[in-house]
């Protein structure tokens, strides 16, 4: 595991934000999206990732009032095989 990504949940959030999934035991390439609308405990985890420079926090909207996060280039490097 990366020294920057200290928990499984951090890695899973970044992978989910990028659309990376496990199919047939292998990770898909992902990259077709770059956003994660966080709720509950995920908000704190995402804000920790922001502090590490792996995500940025965008604005919420009336349609999606929960905070929205995007993965930075540094975050993408952390989950690449």
PDB file of N, CA and C in Angstrom:
ATOM      1  N   UNK A   1       0.842  -1.180   0.000  1.00  0.00           N
ATOM      2  CA  UNK A   1       0.000   0.000   0.000  1.00  0.00           C
ATOM      3  C   UNK A   1       0.887   1.242   0.000  1.00  0.00           C
ATOM      4  N   UNK A   2       0.404   2.268  -0.621  1.00  0.00           N
ATOM      5  CA  UNK A   2       1.104   3.543  -0.689  1.00  0.00           C
ATOM      6  C   UNK A   2       1.298   4.109   0.716  1.00  0.00           C
ATOM      7  N   UNK A   3       2.402   4.816   0.899  1.00  0.00           N
ATOM      8  CA  UNK A   3       2.628   5.486   2.182  1.00  0.00           C
ATOM      9  C   UNK A   3       1.705   6.689   2.329  1.00  0.00           C
ATOM     10  N   UNK A   4       1.219   7.227   1.213  1.00  0.00           N
ATOM     11  CA  UNK A   4       0.342   8.395   1.258  1.00  0.00           C
ATOM     12  C   UNK A   4      -1.092   7.964   1.559  1.00  0.00           C
ATOM     13  N   UNK A   5      -1.532   6.883   0.898  1.00  0.00           N
ATOM     14  CA  UNK A   5      -2.875   6.351   1.165  1.00  0.00           C
ATOM     15  C   UNK A   5      -2.762   5.413   2.353  1.00  0.00           C
ATOM     16  N   UNK A   6      -3.178   5.877   3.513  1.00  0.00           N
ATOM     17  CA  UNK A   6      -2.935   5.122   4.732  1.00  0.00           C
ATOM     18  C   UNK A   6      -4.057   4.150   5.094  1.00  0.00           C
ATOM     19  N   UNK A   7      -5.219   4.268   4.441  1.00  0.00           N
ATOM     20  CA  UNK A   7      -6.302   3.338   4.759  1.00  0.00           C
ATOM     21  C   UNK A   7      -6.909   2.767   3.481  1.00  0.00           C
ATOM     22  N   UNK A   8      -7.533   1.626   3.621  1.00  0.00           N
ATOM     23  CA  UNK A   8      -8.225   0.981   2.500  1.00  0.00           C
ATOM     24  C   UNK A   8      -9.330   1.882   1.973  1.00  0.00           C
ATOM     25  N   UNK A   9     -10.036   2.574   2.880  1.00  0.00           N
ATOM     26  CA  UNK A   9     -11.132   3.447   2.466  1.00  0.00           C
ATOM     27  C   UNK A   9     -10.636   4.612   1.613  1.00  0.00           C
ATOM     28  N   UNK A  10      -9.477   5.163   1.936  1.00  0.00           N
ATOM     29  CA  UNK A  10      -8.923   6.244   1.115  1.00  0.00           C
ATOM     30  C   UNK A  10      -8.705   5.759  -0.314  1.00  0.00           C
ATOM     31  N   UNK A  11      -8.092   4.594  -0.436  1.00  0.00           N
ATOM     32  CA  UNK A  11      -7.840   4.018  -1.766  1.00  0.00           C
ATOM     33  C   UNK A  11      -9.160   3.745  -2.486  1.00  0.00           C
ATOM     34  N   UNK A  12     -10.120   3.168  -1.791  1.00  0.00           N
ATOM     35  CA  UNK A  12     -11.400   2.837  -2.421  1.00  0.00           C
ATOM     36  C   UNK A  12     -12.143   4.084  -2.892  1.00  0.00           C
ATOM     37  N   UNK A  13     -12.079   5.154  -2.127  1.00  0.00           N
ATOM     38  CA  UNK A  13     -12.750   6.393  -2.532  1.00  0.00           C
ATOM     39  C   UNK A  13     -12.112   6.953  -3.794  1.00  0.00           C
ATOM     40  N   UNK A  14     -10.789   6.985  -3.849  1.00  0.00           N
ATOM     41  CA  UNK A  14     -10.121   7.500  -5.047  1.00  0.00           C
ATOM     42  C   UNK A  14     -10.425   6.616  -6.256  1.00  0.00           C
ATOM     43  N   UNK A  15     -10.362   5.308  -6.076  1.00  0.00           N
ATOM     44  CA  UNK A  15     -10.667   4.404  -7.187  1.00  0.00           C
ATOM     45  C   UNK A  15     -12.111   4.580  -7.656  1.00  0.00           C
ATOM     46  N   UNK A  16     -13.026   4.699  -6.717  1.00  0.00           N
ATOM     47  CA  UNK A  16     -14.436   4.889  -7.079  1.00  0.00           C
ATOM     48  C   UNK A  16     -14.625   6.210  -7.832  1.00  0.00           C
ATOM     49  N   UNK A  17     -13.972   7.260  -7.356  1.00  0.00           N
ATOM     50  CA  UNK A  17     -14.094   8.559  -8.008  1.00  0.00           C
ATOM     51  C   UNK A  17     -13.624   8.496  -9.459  1.00  0.00           C
ATOM     52  N   UNK A  18     -12.630   7.665  -9.724  1.00  0.00           N
ATOM     53  CA  UNK A  18     -12.075   7.542 -11.071  1.00  0.00           C
ATOM     54  C   UNK A  18     -12.754   6.465 -11.904  1.00  0.00           C
ATOM     55  N   UNK A  19     -13.689   5.738 -11.321  1.00  0.00           N
ATOM     56  CA  UNK A  19     -14.385   4.690 -12.057  1.00  0.00           C
ATOM     57  C   UNK A  19     -13.600   3.399 -12.164  1.00  0.00           C
ATOM     58  N   UNK A  20     -12.602   3.226 -11.317  1.00  0.00           N
ATOM     59  CA  UNK A  20     -11.818   1.989 -11.316  1.00  0.00           C
ATOM     60  C   UNK A  20     -12.588   0.930 -10.531  1.00  0.00           C
ATOM     61  N   UNK A  21     -12.794  -0.223 -11.168  1.00  0.00           N
ATOM     62  CA  UNK A  21     -13.509  -1.319 -10.512  1.00  0.00           C
ATOM     63  C   UNK A  21     -12.694  -2.605 -10.645  1.00  0.00           C
ATOM     64  N   UNK A  22     -13.034  -3.596  -9.844  1.00  0.00           N
ATOM     65  CA  UNK A  22     -12.424  -4.916  -9.965  1.00  0.00           C
ATOM     66  C   UNK A  22     -13.399  -5.802 -10.725  1.00  0.00           C
ATOM     67  N   UNK A  23     -12.943  -6.309 -11.861  1.00  0.00           N
ATOM     68  CA  UNK A  23     -13.754  -7.190 -12.704  1.00  0.00           C
ATOM     69  C   UNK A  23     -12.938  -8.442 -12.985  1.00  0.00           C
ATOM     70  N   UNK A  24     -13.468  -9.591 -12.599  1.00  0.00           N
ATOM     71  CA  UNK A  24     -12.748 -10.835 -12.824  1.00  0.00           C
ATOM     72  C   UNK A  24     -11.409 -10.884 -12.121  1.00  0.00           C
ATOM     73  N   UNK A  25     -11.329 -10.238 -10.969  1.00  0.00           N
ATOM     74  CA  UNK A  25     -10.094 -10.242 -10.194  1.00  0.00           C
ATOM     75  C   UNK A  25      -9.075  -9.217 -10.646  1.00  0.00           C
ATOM     76  N   UNK A  26      -9.378  -8.454 -11.696  1.00  0.00           N
ATOM     77  CA  UNK A  26      -8.450  -7.443 -12.198  1.00  0.00           C
ATOM     78  C   UNK A  26      -9.108  -6.069 -12.150  1.00  0.00           C
ATOM     79  N   UNK A  27      -8.285  -5.049 -11.903  1.00  0.00           N
ATOM     80  CA  UNK A  27      -8.794  -3.680 -11.873  1.00  0.00           C
ATOM     81  C   UNK A  27      -8.996  -3.174 -13.297  1.00  0.00           C
ATOM     82  N   UNK A  28     -10.107  -2.486 -13.502  1.00  0.00           N
ATOM     83  CA  UNK A  28     -10.327  -1.827 -14.783  1.00  0.00           C
ATOM     84  C   UNK A  28      -9.471  -0.564 -14.829  1.00  0.00           C
ATOM     85  N   UNK A  29      -9.265  -0.051 -16.001  1.00  0.00           N
ATOM     86  CA  UNK A  29      -8.439   1.147 -16.165  1.00  0.00           C
ATOM     87  C   UNK A  29      -9.088   2.367 -15.541  1.00  0.00           C
ATOM     88  N   UNK A  30     -10.388   2.481 -15.646  1.00  0.00           N
ATOM     89  CA  UNK A  30     -11.070   3.654 -15.102  1.00  0.00           C
ATOM     90  C   UNK A  30     -10.769   4.877 -15.944  1.00  0.00           C
ATOM     91  N   UNK A  31     -10.904   6.033 -15.334  1.00  0.00           N
ATOM     92  CA  UNK A  31     -10.574   7.271 -16.002  1.00  0.00           C
ATOM     93  C   UNK A  31     -11.713   7.889 -16.789  1.00  0.00           C
ATOM     94  N   UNK A  32     -12.873   7.251 -16.798  1.00  0.00           N
ATOM     95  CA  UNK A  32     -13.988   7.816 -17.545  1.00  0.00           C
ATOM     96  C   UNK A  32     -14.731   8.874 -16.749  1.00  0.00           C
ATOM     97  N   UNK A  33     -14.348   9.049 -15.497  1.00  0.00           N
ATOM     98  CA  UNK A  33     -14.943  10.111 -14.687  1.00  0.00           C
ATOM     99  C   UNK A  33     -13.923  10.549 -13.645  1.00  0.00           C
ATOM    100  N   UNK A  34     -14.225  11.625 -12.961  1.00  0.00           N
ATOM    101  CA  UNK A  34     -13.362  12.090 -11.883  1.00  0.00           C
ATOM    102  C   UNK A  34     -14.189  12.943 -10.938  1.00  0.00           C
ATOM    103  N   UNK A  35     -15.031  12.277 -10.160  1.00  0.00           N
ATOM    104  CA  UNK A  35     -15.777  12.984  -9.133  1.00  0.00           C
ATOM    105  C   UNK A  35     -16.271  11.987  -8.092  1.00  0.00           C
ATOM    106  N   UNK A  36     -16.509  12.501  -6.902  1.00  0.00           N
ATOM    107  CA  UNK A  36     -17.050  11.686  -5.814  1.00  0.00           C
ATOM    108  C   UNK A  36     -17.915  12.611  -4.971  1.00  0.00           C
ATOM    109  N   UNK A  37     -19.190  12.343  -4.931  1.00  0.00           N
ATOM    110  CA  UNK A  37     -20.103  13.107  -4.085  1.00  0.00           C
ATOM    111  C   UNK A  37     -20.151  12.390  -2.742  1.00  0.00           C
ATOM    112  N   UNK A  38     -19.619  13.040  -1.737  1.00  0.00           N
ATOM    113  CA  UNK A  38     -19.432  12.403  -0.435  1.00  0.00           C
ATOM    114  C   UNK A  38     -20.588  12.700   0.506  1.00  0.00           C
ATOM    115  N   UNK A  39     -20.853  11.750   1.376  1.00  0.00           N
ATOM    116  CA  UNK A  39     -21.837  11.904   2.430  1.00  0.00           C
ATOM    117  C   UNK A  39     -21.353  11.173   3.668  1.00  0.00           C
ATOM    118  N   UNK A  40     -21.890  11.524   4.797  1.00  0.00           N
ATOM    119  CA  UNK A  40     -21.549  10.839   6.048  1.00  0.00           C
ATOM    120  C   UNK A  40     -20.065  10.886   6.358  1.00  0.00           C
ATOM    121  N   UNK A  41     -19.519   9.745   6.795  1.00  0.00           N
ATOM    122  CA  UNK A  41     -18.107   9.651   7.187  1.00  0.00           C
ATOM    123  C   UNK A  41     -17.167   9.860   6.012  1.00  0.00           C
ATOM    124  N   UNK A  42     -17.647   9.641   4.793  1.00  0.00           N
ATOM    125  CA  UNK A  42     -16.795   9.823   3.617  1.00  0.00           C
ATOM    126  C   UNK A  42     -16.341  11.274   3.457  1.00  0.00           C
ATOM    127  N   UNK A  43     -17.126  12.218   3.964  1.00  0.00           N
ATOM    128  CA  UNK A  43     -16.741  13.629   3.860  1.00  0.00           C
ATOM    129  C   UNK A  43     -15.419  13.868   4.583  1.00  0.00           C
ATOM    130  N   UNK A  44     -15.291  13.354   5.787  1.00  0.00           N
ATOM    131  CA  UNK A  44     -14.049  13.537   6.549  1.00  0.00           C
ATOM    132  C   UNK A  44     -12.873  12.851   5.862  1.00  0.00           C
ATOM    133  N   UNK A  45     -13.103  11.662   5.318  1.00  0.00           N
ATOM    134  CA  UNK A  45     -12.031  10.945   4.619  1.00  0.00           C
ATOM    135  C   UNK A  45     -11.582  11.743   3.403  1.00  0.00           C
ATOM    136  N   UNK A  46     -12.538  12.260   2.638  1.00  0.00           N
ATOM    137  CA  UNK A  46     -12.193  13.058   1.458  1.00  0.00           C
ATOM    138  C   UNK A  46     -11.437  14.319   1.851  1.00  0.00           C
ATOM    139  N   UNK A  47     -11.825  14.941   2.923  1.00  0.00           N
ATOM    140  CA  UNK A  47     -11.120  16.154   3.359  1.00  0.00           C
ATOM    141  C   UNK A  47      -9.700  15.824   3.821  1.00  0.00           C
ATOM    142  N   UNK A  48      -9.487  14.637   4.362  1.00  0.00           N
ATOM    143  CA  UNK A  48      -8.126  14.199   4.690  1.00  0.00           C
ATOM    144  C   UNK A  48      -7.322  14.021   3.408  1.00  0.00           C
ATOM    145  N   UNK A  49      -7.976  13.486   2.360  1.00  0.00           N
ATOM    146  CA  UNK A  49      -7.303  13.326   1.069  1.00  0.00           C
ATOM    147  C   UNK A  49      -6.986  14.682   0.446  1.00  0.00           C
ATOM    148  N   UNK A  50      -7.848  15.679   0.668  1.00  0.00           N
ATOM    149  CA  UNK A  50      -7.568  17.045   0.217  1.00  0.00           C
ATOM    150  C   UNK A  50      -6.315  17.563   0.925  1.00  0.00           C
ATOM    151  N   UNK A  51      -6.225  17.344   2.217  1.00  0.00           N
ATOM    152  CA  UNK A  51      -5.065  17.798   2.990  1.00  0.00           C
ATOM    153  C   UNK A  51      -3.771  17.144   2.504  1.00  0.00           C
ATOM    154  N   UNK A  52      -3.882  15.928   1.977  1.00  0.00           N
ATOM    155  CA  UNK A  52      -2.715  15.208   1.452  1.00  0.00           C
ATOM    156  C   UNK A  52      -2.411  15.589   0.003  1.00  0.00           C
ATOM    157  N   UNK A  53      -3.257  16.422  -0.594  1.00  0.00           N
ATOM    158  CA  UNK A  53      -3.045  16.836  -1.973  1.00  0.00           C
ATOM    159  C   UNK A  53      -3.522  15.829  -3.011  1.00  0.00           C
ATOM    160  N   UNK A  54      -4.346  14.866  -2.579  1.00  0.00           N
ATOM    161  CA  UNK A  54      -4.795  13.807  -3.483  1.00  0.00           C
ATOM    162  C   UNK A  54      -6.176  14.068  -4.074  1.00  0.00           C
ATOM    163  N   UNK A  55      -6.920  14.986  -3.472  1.00  0.00           N
ATOM    164  CA  UNK A  55      -8.234  15.381  -3.981  1.00  0.00           C
ATOM    165  C   UNK A  55      -8.390  16.877  -3.796  1.00  0.00           C
ATOM    166  N   UNK A  56      -9.358  17.442  -4.523  1.00  0.00           N
ATOM    167  CA  UNK A  56      -9.762  18.824  -4.304  1.00  0.00           C
ATOM    168  C   UNK A  56     -11.257  18.815  -4.017  1.00  0.00           C
ATOM    169  N   UNK A  57     -11.708  19.791  -3.262  1.00  0.00           N
ATOM    170  CA  UNK A  57     -13.130  19.886  -2.945  1.00  0.00           C
ATOM    171  C   UNK A  57     -13.768  20.957  -3.806  1.00  0.00           C
ATOM    172  N   UNK A  58     -14.834  20.564  -4.480  1.00  0.00           N
ATOM    173  CA  UNK A  58     -15.575  21.509  -5.302  1.00  0.00           C
ATOM    174  C   UNK A  58     -16.811  21.985  -4.570  1.00  0.00           C
ATOM    175  N   UNK A  59     -17.622  22.720  -5.275  1.00  0.00           N
ATOM    176  CA  UNK A  59     -18.848  23.258  -4.692  1.00  0.00           C
ATOM    177  C   UNK A  59     -19.970  22.243  -4.766  1.00  0.00           C
ATOM    178  N   UNK A  60     -20.820  22.295  -3.779  1.00  0.00           N
ATOM    179  CA  UNK A  60     -22.055  21.521  -3.844  1.00  0.00           C
ATOM    180  C   UNK A  60     -23.048  22.344  -4.657  1.00  0.00           C
ATOM    181  N   UNK A  61     -24.170  21.767  -4.967  1.00  0.00           N
ATOM    182  CA  UNK A  61     -25.179  22.480  -5.741  1.00  0.00           C
ATOM    183  C   UNK A  61     -26.556  22.207  -5.142  1.00  0.00           C
ATOM    184  N   UNK A  62     -27.552  22.946  -5.562  1.00  0.00           N
ATOM    185  CA  UNK A  62     -28.910  22.674  -5.066  1.00  0.00           C
ATOM    186  C   UNK A  62     -29.371  21.257  -5.413  1.00  0.00           C
ATOM    187  N   UNK A  63     -28.870  20.739  -6.522  1.00  0.00           N
ATOM    188  CA  UNK A  63     -29.246  19.386  -6.941  1.00  0.00           C
ATOM    189  C   UNK A  63     -28.499  18.351  -6.108  1.00  0.00           C
ATOM    190  N   UNK A  64     -27.230  18.608  -5.820  1.00  0.00           N
ATOM    191  CA  UNK A  64     -26.401  17.699  -5.022  1.00  0.00           C
ATOM    192  C   UNK A  64     -25.784  18.505  -3.884  1.00  0.00           C
ATOM    193  N   UNK A  65     -26.492  18.655  -2.765  1.00  0.00           N
ATOM    194  CA  UNK A  65     -26.004  19.517  -1.688  1.00  0.00           C
ATOM    195  C   UNK A  65     -24.791  18.965  -0.934  1.00  0.00           C
ATOM    196  N   UNK A  66     -24.497  17.684  -1.103  1.00  0.00           N
ATOM    197  CA  UNK A  66     -23.319  17.119  -0.445  1.00  0.00           C
ATOM    198  C   UNK A  66     -22.062  17.596  -1.169  1.00  0.00           C
ATOM    199  N   UNK A  67     -20.934  17.655  -0.464  1.00  0.00           N
ATOM    200  CA  UNK A  67     -19.705  18.121  -1.101  1.00  0.00           C
ATOM    201  C   UNK A  67     -19.245  17.174  -2.212  1.00  0.00           C
ATOM    202  N   UNK A  68     -18.682  17.773  -3.247  1.00  0.00           N
ATOM    203  CA  UNK A  68     -18.180  17.013  -4.388  1.00  0.00           C
ATOM    204  C   UNK A  68     -16.662  17.144  -4.420  1.00  0.00           C
ATOM    205  N   UNK A  69     -15.982  16.038  -4.658  1.00  0.00           N
ATOM    206  CA  UNK A  69     -14.524  16.009  -4.665  1.00  0.00           C
ATOM    207  C   UNK A  69     -14.031  15.463  -5.993  1.00  0.00           C
ATOM    208  N   UNK A  70     -12.843  15.871  -6.403  1.00  0.00           N
ATOM    209  CA  UNK A  70     -12.196  15.355  -7.612  1.00  0.00           C
ATOM    210  C   UNK A  70     -10.778  14.937  -7.248  1.00  0.00           C
ATOM    211  N   UNK A  71     -10.271  13.952  -7.968  1.00  0.00           N
ATOM    212  CA  UNK A  71      -8.933  13.418  -7.718  1.00  0.00           C
ATOM    213  C   UNK A  71      -7.906  14.260  -8.469  1.00  0.00           C
ATOM    214  N   UNK A  72      -6.823  14.610  -7.793  1.00  0.00           N
ATOM    215  CA  UNK A  72      -5.729  15.354  -8.424  1.00  0.00           C
ATOM    216  C   UNK A  72      -4.827  14.391  -9.190  1.00  0.00           C
ATOM    217  N   UNK A  73      -3.891  14.935  -9.954  1.00  0.00           N
ATOM    218  CA  UNK A  73      -2.922  14.083 -10.657  1.00  0.00           C
ATOM    219  C   UNK A  73      -2.132  13.242  -9.668  1.00  0.00           C
ATOM    220  N   UNK A  74      -1.790  13.818  -8.515  1.00  0.00           N
ATOM    221  CA  UNK A  74      -1.060  13.064  -7.487  1.00  0.00           C
ATOM    222  C   UNK A  74      -1.901  11.894  -6.977  1.00  0.00           C
ATOM    223  N   UNK A  75      -3.207  12.125  -6.813  1.00  0.00           N
ATOM    224  CA  UNK A  75      -4.102  11.051  -6.378  1.00  0.00           C
ATOM    225  C   UNK A  75      -4.204   9.944  -7.408  1.00  0.00           C
ATOM    226  N   UNK A  76      -4.256  10.327  -8.680  1.00  0.00           N
ATOM    227  CA  UNK A  76      -4.315   9.333  -9.756  1.00  0.00           C
ATOM    228  C   UNK A  76      -3.072   8.454  -9.741  1.00  0.00           C
ATOM    229  N   UNK A  77      -1.919   9.046  -9.510  1.00  0.00           N
ATOM    230  CA  UNK A  77      -0.662   8.282  -9.468  1.00  0.00           C
ATOM    231  C   UNK A  77      -0.666   7.260  -8.340  1.00  0.00           C
ATOM    232  N   UNK A  78      -1.328   7.579  -7.249  1.00  0.00           N
ATOM    233  CA  UNK A  78      -1.349   6.678  -6.096  1.00  0.00           C
ATOM    234  C   UNK A  78      -2.108   5.382  -6.353  1.00  0.00           C
ATOM    235  N   UNK A  79      -3.055   5.386  -7.282  1.00  0.00           N
ATOM    236  CA  UNK A  79      -3.860   4.184  -7.510  1.00  0.00           C
ATOM    237  C   UNK A  79      -3.538   3.493  -8.833  1.00  0.00           C
ATOM    238  N   UNK A  80      -2.586   4.033  -9.592  1.00  0.00           N
ATOM    239  CA  UNK A  80      -2.212   3.371 -10.836  1.00  0.00           C
ATOM    240  C   UNK A  80      -1.418   2.125 -10.528  1.00  0.00           C
ATOM    241  N   UNK A  81      -1.636   1.060 -11.325  1.00  0.00           N
ATOM    242  CA  UNK A  81      -0.907  -0.199 -11.083  1.00  0.00           C
ATOM    243  C   UNK A  81       0.576  -0.058 -11.363  1.00  0.00           C
TER     244      UNK A  81
END
